[in-house]
Amino acid sequence: MGFIAYSLLYSIAKGDVFGKDQPIILVLLDIPPMLPVLDGVVMELQDCALPLLREVIPTDKVEVGFKDLDAAILVGSMPRKEGMERKDLLKANVAIFKAQGAALEKYAKKTVRVLVVGNPANTNCLIASKSAPSIPKENFSCLTRLDHNRARSQVAMRCGVPADAVKNVIIWGNHSSTQYPDVHHAMVNVHGKEVEAYSAVKDDSWLKGDFISTVQLRGAAVIKARKLSSAMSAAKAICDHMRDWWFGTLDGEFMSMGVYAGGNSYGIPEDLIYSFPVHIKNKSWNIHDGLPVNDFSRAKMDATAAELVEERDTALSFLSQDSGFESRLCRSRRTHGSRPSPLPSPYGSCSDETRL
């Protein structure tokens, strides 16, 4: 189990994501050598004595890990190793996410909501969706909320306000260094009054320069400083993403999600998973259409789309090839298990639990 999954589990299990009255069954799927580690994580979760946590199921079997899921959080992917060509990385991840998509198709509920975190997240999400044709495309998304939170935080720090005083930043495109953090439609609450971000910051050159590059390269900066990739902030972003998907966004606000580009009004090629501003109601997202796009934004939105088209075309060239299943991933909410680790259930029947 990686650092992101480990950082994520407590928040899910104590009700921060799916609600304070929602019983939870966590299913932890990993490769066989990691099962002893998962047993230790199960013990820790049991020792937390969390009232919502009904069961934790550690497994290395896909038929257990994917069965009847309400939500699937696919955290793991093949990391790029020294000397590995980009196409080799894509090929390895196509094999992984083709298998995971097929497992979702075979075992999960057709209403499952799937969040792909493992990189390259957008293209991995596309492959998983294509491999699960009976699950609606709208049920698949990839994580760009970490980038969204980074952008929001940068603007807030620049303005000297709390992060929740900033709303409607946008991450367009790929979860990569070509992503476009856009604040042309963002608002900042300054002394109780909402003003446009450009007016609040009062530094156009920063917003069109260092701000964008800081957000784009933040992951690399964390790795350089920590010698490890982002974990705590990534786990927080996953929680934010799934909570909004479950409970909706506030009126007048939108968030960034990597979603199917079909039918968008921004001229983005349709067969992509692309990060857009979305608003959410009743567990369904809709792209926030009709925002004006200036020439500066147009160029950056198109550049990141071009990268995604290239990734997609390379990945699809591998998709028809047979592949095995190997990856690390974390699931939460309900599932059966061959190695169940039951926890006391003060509420009796678990028929209304959520499986992850």
Protein backbone atom coordinates (compact mmCIF):
# COMPACT_ATOMS: atom_id res chain seq x y z
CA MET A 1 0.00 0.00 0.00
CA GLY A 2 1.34 3.40 -0.95
CA PHE A 3 1.40 6.63 1.01
CA ILE A 4 -1.64 8.11 -0.72
CA ALA A 5 -3.88 5.15 0.05
CA TYR A 6 -2.63 5.01 3.62
CA SER A 7 -3.32 8.73 4.07
CA LEU A 8 -6.77 8.35 2.54
CA LEU A 9 -8.30 5.50 4.50
CA TYR A 10 -8.85 7.21 7.84
CA SER A 11 -10.81 10.11 6.33
CA ILE A 12 -13.08 7.74 4.40
CA ALA A 13 -13.59 5.42 7.35
CA LYS A 14 -14.58 8.18 9.77
CA GLY A 15 -17.18 9.69 7.47
CA ASP A 16 -15.45 12.74 6.01
CA VAL A 17 -16.18 11.68 2.43
CA PHE A 18 -19.48 9.82 2.17
CA GLY A 19 -21.27 11.29 5.15
CA LYS A 20 -21.47 11.00 8.91
CA ASP A 21 -24.36 8.53 8.77
CA GLN A 22 -23.05 6.27 5.98
CA PRO A 23 -21.71 2.85 7.08
CA ILE A 24 -18.56 1.88 5.19
CA ILE A 25 -16.95 -1.34 4.02
CA LEU A 26 -13.39 -0.80 2.83
CA VAL A 27 -11.90 -3.20 0.30
CA LEU A 28 -8.14 -2.97 -0.03
CA LEU A 29 -6.84 -4.58 -3.22
CA ASP A 30 -3.11 -4.98 -3.69
CA ILE A 31 -0.52 -7.30 -5.17
CA PRO A 32 0.17 -10.56 -3.25
CA PRO A 33 3.49 -9.49 -1.66
CA MET A 34 1.69 -6.57 0.01
CA LEU A 35 -0.93 -8.65 1.85
CA PRO A 36 1.04 -8.72 5.14
CA VAL A 37 1.22 -4.91 4.99
CA LEU A 38 -2.52 -4.74 4.38
CA ASP A 39 -3.07 -6.90 7.45
CA GLY A 40 -1.23 -4.27 9.48
CA VAL A 41 -3.38 -1.51 8.00
CA VAL A 42 -6.50 -3.51 8.87
CA MET A 43 -5.32 -3.77 12.47
CA GLU A 44 -4.80 -0.01 12.62
CA LEU A 45 -8.25 0.68 11.22
CA GLN A 46 -9.79 -1.72 13.73
CA ASP A 47 -7.88 0.00 16.52
CA CYS A 48 -9.36 3.35 15.51
CA ALA A 49 -12.75 2.01 16.71
CA LEU A 50 -14.59 4.04 14.09
CA PRO A 51 -18.37 3.68 14.41
CA LEU A 52 -19.11 3.86 10.67
CA LEU A 53 -16.54 1.26 9.64
CA ARG A 54 -18.31 -2.08 9.31
CA GLU A 55 -15.64 -4.20 7.67
CA VAL A 56 -12.19 -4.07 6.11
CA ILE A 57 -11.34 -6.61 3.44
CA PRO A 58 -7.71 -7.02 2.35
CA THR A 59 -7.36 -9.03 -0.85
CA ASP A 60 -5.25 -9.73 -3.91
CA LYS A 61 -8.18 -11.18 -5.89
CA VAL A 62 -9.97 -8.99 -8.42
CA GLU A 63 -13.22 -10.92 -8.06
CA VAL A 64 -13.20 -9.89 -4.40
CA GLY A 65 -11.76 -6.42 -4.84
CA PHE A 66 -14.26 -5.24 -7.44
CA LYS A 67 -17.46 -7.04 -6.47
CA ASP A 68 -20.52 -4.83 -5.98
CA LEU A 69 -18.52 -1.65 -5.50
CA ASP A 70 -20.36 1.63 -5.02
CA ALA A 71 -17.14 3.63 -5.44
CA ALA A 72 -13.75 2.64 -6.80
CA ILE A 73 -10.65 4.72 -6.17
CA LEU A 74 -7.84 3.50 -8.42
CA VAL A 75 -4.76 4.88 -6.74
CA GLY A 76 -1.98 2.77 -8.21
CA SER A 77 -0.27 2.74 -11.58
CA MET A 78 3.08 1.83 -13.06
CA PRO A 79 5.59 4.58 -12.18
CA ARG A 80 8.09 5.74 -14.74
CA LYS A 81 11.45 4.11 -14.10
CA GLU A 82 14.89 5.29 -15.09
CA GLY A 83 15.51 4.64 -18.75
CA MET A 84 11.85 3.93 -19.50
CA GLU A 85 10.48 5.48 -22.65
CA ARG A 86 7.16 7.29 -22.41
CA LYS A 87 5.49 4.85 -24.78
CA ASP A 88 6.65 1.95 -22.59
CA LEU A 89 5.09 3.61 -19.56
CA LEU A 90 1.82 4.08 -21.44
CA LYS A 91 1.89 0.46 -22.61
CA ALA A 92 2.35 -0.82 -19.06
CA ASN A 93 -0.50 1.32 -17.76
CA VAL A 94 -2.81 0.35 -20.61
CA ALA A 95 -2.37 -3.26 -19.50
CA ILE A 96 -3.17 -2.34 -15.89
CA PHE A 97 -6.20 -0.17 -16.57
CA LYS A 98 -7.59 -2.42 -19.28
CA ALA A 99 -7.64 -5.20 -16.66
CA GLN A 100 -9.12 -2.95 -13.99
CA GLY A 101 -11.80 -1.72 -16.37
CA ALA A 102 -12.65 -5.31 -17.30
CA ALA A 103 -12.90 -6.19 -13.60
CA LEU A 104 -15.24 -3.25 -13.01
CA GLU A 105 -17.31 -4.39 -15.97
CA LYS A 106 -17.58 -7.94 -14.63
CA TYR A 107 -17.93 -7.44 -10.87
CA ALA A 108 -18.86 -3.87 -9.87
CA LYS A 109 -22.30 -2.30 -9.74
CA LYS A 110 -23.26 -0.51 -12.95
CA THR A 111 -23.81 2.59 -10.83
CA VAL A 112 -20.24 2.53 -9.48
CA ARG A 113 -18.42 5.87 -9.46
CA VAL A 114 -14.78 5.45 -10.49
CA LEU A 115 -11.98 7.88 -9.67
CA VAL A 116 -8.60 7.28 -11.33
CA VAL A 117 -5.62 8.72 -9.48
CA GLY A 118 -2.68 6.73 -10.86
CA ASN A 119 -0.78 8.60 -13.57
CA PRO A 120 -1.10 9.33 -16.42
CA ALA A 121 -4.52 9.70 -14.81
CA ASN A 122 -6.51 11.13 -17.74
CA THR A 123 -5.47 8.45 -20.21
CA ASN A 124 -5.62 5.66 -17.63
CA CYS A 125 -9.19 6.72 -16.91
CA LEU A 126 -10.06 6.66 -20.60
CA ILE A 127 -8.69 3.12 -20.96
CA ALA A 128 -10.55 1.90 -17.88
CA SER A 129 -13.80 3.34 -19.20
CA LYS A 130 -13.38 1.84 -22.65
CA SER A 131 -12.78 -1.53 -20.98
CA ALA A 132 -16.07 -1.29 -19.05
CA PRO A 133 -18.58 -0.50 -21.81
CA SER A 134 -21.72 -1.25 -19.76
CA ILE A 135 -20.80 1.32 -17.10
CA PRO A 136 -21.76 4.86 -18.18
CA LYS A 137 -18.86 7.02 -19.30
CA GLU A 138 -20.09 9.69 -16.93
CA ASN A 139 -19.26 7.37 -14.02
CA PHE A 140 -15.53 7.66 -14.71
CA SER A 141 -13.38 10.62 -13.70
CA CYS A 142 -9.75 11.36 -12.98
CA LEU A 143 -8.22 13.47 -10.25
CA THR A 144 -7.36 17.08 -11.03
CA ARG A 145 -8.68 18.33 -7.71
CA LEU A 146 -5.15 18.40 -6.30
CA ASP A 147 -4.17 20.87 -9.02
CA HIS A 148 -7.39 22.80 -8.34
CA ASN A 149 -6.57 23.00 -4.63
CA ARG A 150 -3.02 24.09 -5.40
CA ALA A 151 -4.28 26.89 -7.62
CA ARG A 152 -6.81 27.99 -5.05
CA SER A 153 -4.18 28.03 -2.32
CA GLN A 154 -1.70 30.04 -4.39
CA VAL A 155 -4.28 32.75 -5.08
CA ALA A 156 -5.37 32.79 -1.44
CA MET A 157 -1.81 33.19 -0.17
CA ARG A 158 -1.16 35.95 -2.68
CA CYS A 159 -4.26 37.83 -1.48
CA GLY A 160 -3.72 37.13 2.21
CA VAL A 161 -7.06 35.35 2.64
CA PRO A 162 -8.08 31.81 3.67
CA ALA A 163 -8.27 29.23 0.89
CA ASP A 164 -12.05 28.99 1.21
CA ALA A 165 -12.28 32.67 0.28
CA VAL A 166 -11.30 31.72 -3.28
CA LYS A 167 -13.76 29.97 -5.59
CA ASN A 168 -14.13 28.99 -9.23
CA VAL A 169 -10.53 28.50 -10.21
CA ILE A 170 -10.29 26.05 -13.11
CA ILE A 171 -7.83 23.38 -14.15
CA TRP A 172 -8.14 22.72 -17.86
CA GLY A 173 -6.79 19.61 -19.55
CA ASN A 174 -4.24 17.03 -18.54
CA HIS A 175 -2.94 16.24 -15.07
CA SER A 176 0.57 17.02 -16.27
CA SER A 177 2.87 19.98 -16.72
CA THR A 178 0.72 21.14 -19.66
CA GLN A 179 -2.35 21.67 -17.47
CA TYR A 180 -3.76 25.18 -17.53
CA PRO A 181 -4.65 26.72 -14.15
CA ASP A 182 -7.10 29.49 -15.03
CA VAL A 183 -8.37 32.22 -12.71
CA HIS A 184 -10.13 34.41 -15.25
CA HIS A 185 -13.48 33.35 -13.75
CA ALA A 186 -12.35 33.00 -10.13
CA MET A 187 -13.66 35.17 -7.32
CA VAL A 188 -11.98 36.14 -4.06
CA ASN A 189 -13.78 37.22 -0.90
CA VAL A 190 -11.84 40.22 0.38
CA HIS A 191 -13.17 41.85 3.56
CA GLY A 192 -16.60 40.36 2.96
CA LYS A 193 -16.87 41.43 -0.67
CA GLU A 194 -16.40 39.14 -3.68
CA VAL A 195 -14.07 40.54 -6.31
CA GLU A 196 -12.57 39.06 -9.45
CA ALA A 197 -9.29 37.27 -8.88
CA TYR A 198 -7.36 39.53 -11.25
CA SER A 199 -8.57 42.56 -9.31
CA ALA A 200 -7.81 40.96 -5.96
CA VAL A 201 -4.30 39.85 -6.90
CA LYS A 202 -3.41 43.06 -8.77
CA ASP A 203 -0.53 41.38 -10.59
CA ASP A 204 -1.44 40.19 -14.08
CA SER A 205 2.11 39.17 -14.93
CA TRP A 206 2.23 36.82 -11.93
CA LEU A 207 -1.15 35.29 -12.78
CA LYS A 208 -0.07 34.67 -16.38
CA GLY A 209 3.44 33.52 -15.46
CA ASP A 210 4.75 32.27 -12.14
CA PHE A 211 1.32 31.31 -10.84
CA ILE A 212 0.73 28.96 -13.75
CA SER A 213 4.18 27.39 -13.66
CA THR A 214 4.06 26.99 -9.87
CA VAL A 215 0.85 24.97 -10.08
CA GLN A 216 2.02 23.01 -13.11
CA LEU A 217 5.30 22.03 -11.45
CA ARG A 218 4.13 21.75 -7.85
CA GLY A 219 4.30 17.96 -7.80
CA ALA A 220 7.92 18.01 -8.92
CA ALA A 221 8.72 20.67 -6.31
CA VAL A 222 7.25 18.48 -3.56
CA ILE A 223 9.30 15.51 -4.74
CA LYS A 224 12.47 17.61 -4.79
CA ALA A 225 11.86 18.84 -1.24
CA ARG A 226 10.42 15.69 0.32
CA LYS A 227 12.17 13.07 -1.79
CA LEU A 228 8.69 11.57 -2.04
CA SER A 229 5.64 12.43 -4.09
CA SER A 230 2.60 14.23 -2.69
CA ALA A 231 0.55 11.99 -0.41
CA MET A 232 -1.29 14.00 2.25
CA SER A 233 -2.44 16.66 -0.23
CA ALA A 234 -3.36 14.02 -2.81
CA ALA A 235 -5.45 12.12 -0.26
CA LYS A 236 -7.20 15.36 0.74
CA ALA A 237 -7.95 16.08 -2.92
CA ILE A 238 -9.41 12.59 -3.41
CA CYS A 239 -11.68 13.18 -0.42
CA ASP A 240 -12.77 16.57 -1.81
CA HIS A 241 -13.45 15.08 -5.25
CA MET A 242 -15.52 12.16 -3.99
CA ARG A 243 -17.42 14.20 -1.41
CA ASP A 244 -18.48 16.71 -4.07
CA TRP A 245 -19.44 13.86 -6.41
CA TRP A 246 -21.62 12.37 -3.68
CA PHE A 247 -23.16 15.51 -2.23
CA GLY A 248 -22.88 18.10 -5.01
CA THR A 249 -21.30 21.50 -5.43
CA LEU A 250 -22.62 24.71 -3.93
CA ASP A 251 -24.84 26.96 -6.01
CA GLY A 252 -22.72 29.34 -8.05
CA GLU A 253 -19.57 27.26 -7.66
CA PHE A 254 -17.78 24.77 -9.86
CA MET A 255 -14.87 22.42 -9.29
CA SER A 256 -12.29 20.83 -11.58
CA MET A 257 -12.68 17.17 -12.59
CA GLY A 258 -11.19 15.10 -15.36
CA VAL A 259 -14.30 13.90 -17.22
CA TYR A 260 -15.43 12.80 -20.67
CA ALA A 261 -15.21 15.69 -23.08
CA GLY A 262 -18.26 14.63 -25.10
CA GLY A 263 -20.62 17.48 -25.91
CA ASN A 264 -18.47 20.22 -24.39
CA SER A 265 -18.84 23.77 -25.65
CA TYR A 266 -15.12 24.59 -25.54
CA GLY A 267 -13.96 22.94 -28.75
CA ILE A 268 -12.08 20.14 -26.99
CA PRO A 269 -11.89 16.82 -28.89
CA GLU A 270 -14.62 14.57 -27.56
CA ASP A 271 -12.93 11.19 -27.04
CA LEU A 272 -10.75 12.42 -24.19
CA ILE A 273 -10.80 12.59 -20.42
CA TYR A 274 -10.13 16.32 -19.97
CA SER A 275 -10.31 18.48 -16.87
CA PHE A 276 -13.20 20.94 -17.01
CA PRO A 277 -15.07 23.11 -14.55
CA VAL A 278 -18.07 21.06 -13.44
CA HIS A 279 -21.06 21.51 -11.20
CA ILE A 280 -22.59 18.46 -9.56
CA LYS A 281 -26.09 17.53 -8.42
CA ASN A 282 -27.56 14.13 -7.51
CA LYS A 283 -24.19 12.44 -8.07
CA SER A 284 -24.13 13.64 -11.68
CA TRP A 285 -21.67 16.18 -13.01
CA ASN A 286 -22.21 18.63 -15.84
CA ILE A 287 -19.56 20.70 -17.56
CA HIS A 288 -20.06 24.37 -16.76
CA ASP A 289 -20.52 25.60 -20.31
CA GLY A 290 -20.46 29.03 -21.82
CA LEU A 291 -17.53 30.65 -20.02
CA PRO A 292 -15.78 33.18 -22.27
CA VAL A 293 -12.33 32.06 -23.40
CA ASN A 294 -9.73 34.63 -24.44
CA ASP A 295 -6.83 34.02 -26.81
CA PHE A 296 -4.37 33.42 -23.96
CA SER A 297 -6.58 30.71 -22.47
CA ARG A 298 -7.45 29.22 -25.87
CA ALA A 299 -3.83 28.54 -26.69
CA LYS A 300 -3.16 26.83 -23.36
CA MET A 301 -6.38 24.79 -23.47
CA ASP A 302 -5.51 23.57 -26.95
CA ALA A 303 -1.91 22.74 -26.02
CA THR A 304 -2.92 20.45 -23.18
CA ALA A 305 -5.63 18.89 -25.38
CA ALA A 306 -3.00 18.13 -28.02
CA GLU A 307 -0.92 16.29 -25.43
CA LEU A 308 -3.96 14.24 -24.40
CA VAL A 309 -4.74 13.37 -28.03
CA GLU A 310 -1.19 12.11 -28.46
CA GLU A 311 -1.41 10.08 -25.23
CA ARG A 312 -4.77 8.67 -26.24
CA ASP A 313 -3.66 7.62 -29.70
CA THR A 314 -0.56 5.90 -28.32
CA ALA A 315 -2.56 4.15 -25.60
CA LEU A 316 -5.28 2.98 -27.98
CA SER A 317 -2.65 1.40 -30.20
CA PHE A 318 -1.88 -0.90 -27.26
CA LEU A 319 -5.44 -1.45 -26.06
CA SER A 320 -6.26 -4.42 -28.27
CA GLN A 321 -3.30 -6.36 -26.93
CA ASP A 322 -3.95 -8.89 -24.19
CA SER A 323 -2.52 -7.98 -20.83
CA GLY A 324 -2.25 -9.23 -17.31
CA PHE A 325 -3.26 -7.49 -14.15
CA GLU A 326 -0.66 -5.97 -11.91
CA SER A 327 -0.97 -2.86 -9.88
CA ARG A 328 -1.56 -1.43 -6.50
CA LEU A 329 -4.83 0.21 -5.78
CA CYS A 330 -7.13 1.16 -2.96
CA ARG A 331 -10.85 0.65 -2.81
CA SER A 332 -13.34 1.85 -0.31
CA ARG A 333 -16.89 1.13 0.44
CA ARG A 334 -18.60 -2.15 0.18
CA THR A 335 -17.46 -5.57 -1.04
CA HIS A 336 -17.42 -9.22 -0.07
CA GLY A 337 -14.14 -10.83 0.81
CA SER A 338 -12.40 -14.14 1.06
CA ARG A 339 -10.39 -12.76 3.96
CA PRO A 340 -12.89 -10.58 5.82
CA SER A 341 -11.87 -8.72 8.93
CA PRO A 342 -15.17 -7.99 10.66
CA LEU A 343 -15.67 -5.07 12.97
CA PRO A 344 -18.46 -4.76 15.55
CA SER A 345 -21.65 -3.40 14.00
CA PRO A 346 -23.81 -1.54 16.49
CA TYR A 347 -26.37 -0.83 13.76
CA GLY A 348 -27.27 -4.44 12.89
CA SER A 349 -27.93 -5.06 9.20
CA CYS A 350 -25.41 -3.70 6.72
CA SER A 351 -27.68 -3.84 3.70
CA ASP A 352 -27.47 -0.07 3.19
CA GLU A 353 -23.70 0.19 3.42
CA THR A 354 -21.54 1.62 0.72
CA ARG A 355 -18.74 -0.43 -0.77
CA LEU A 356 -15.43 0.99 -1.84
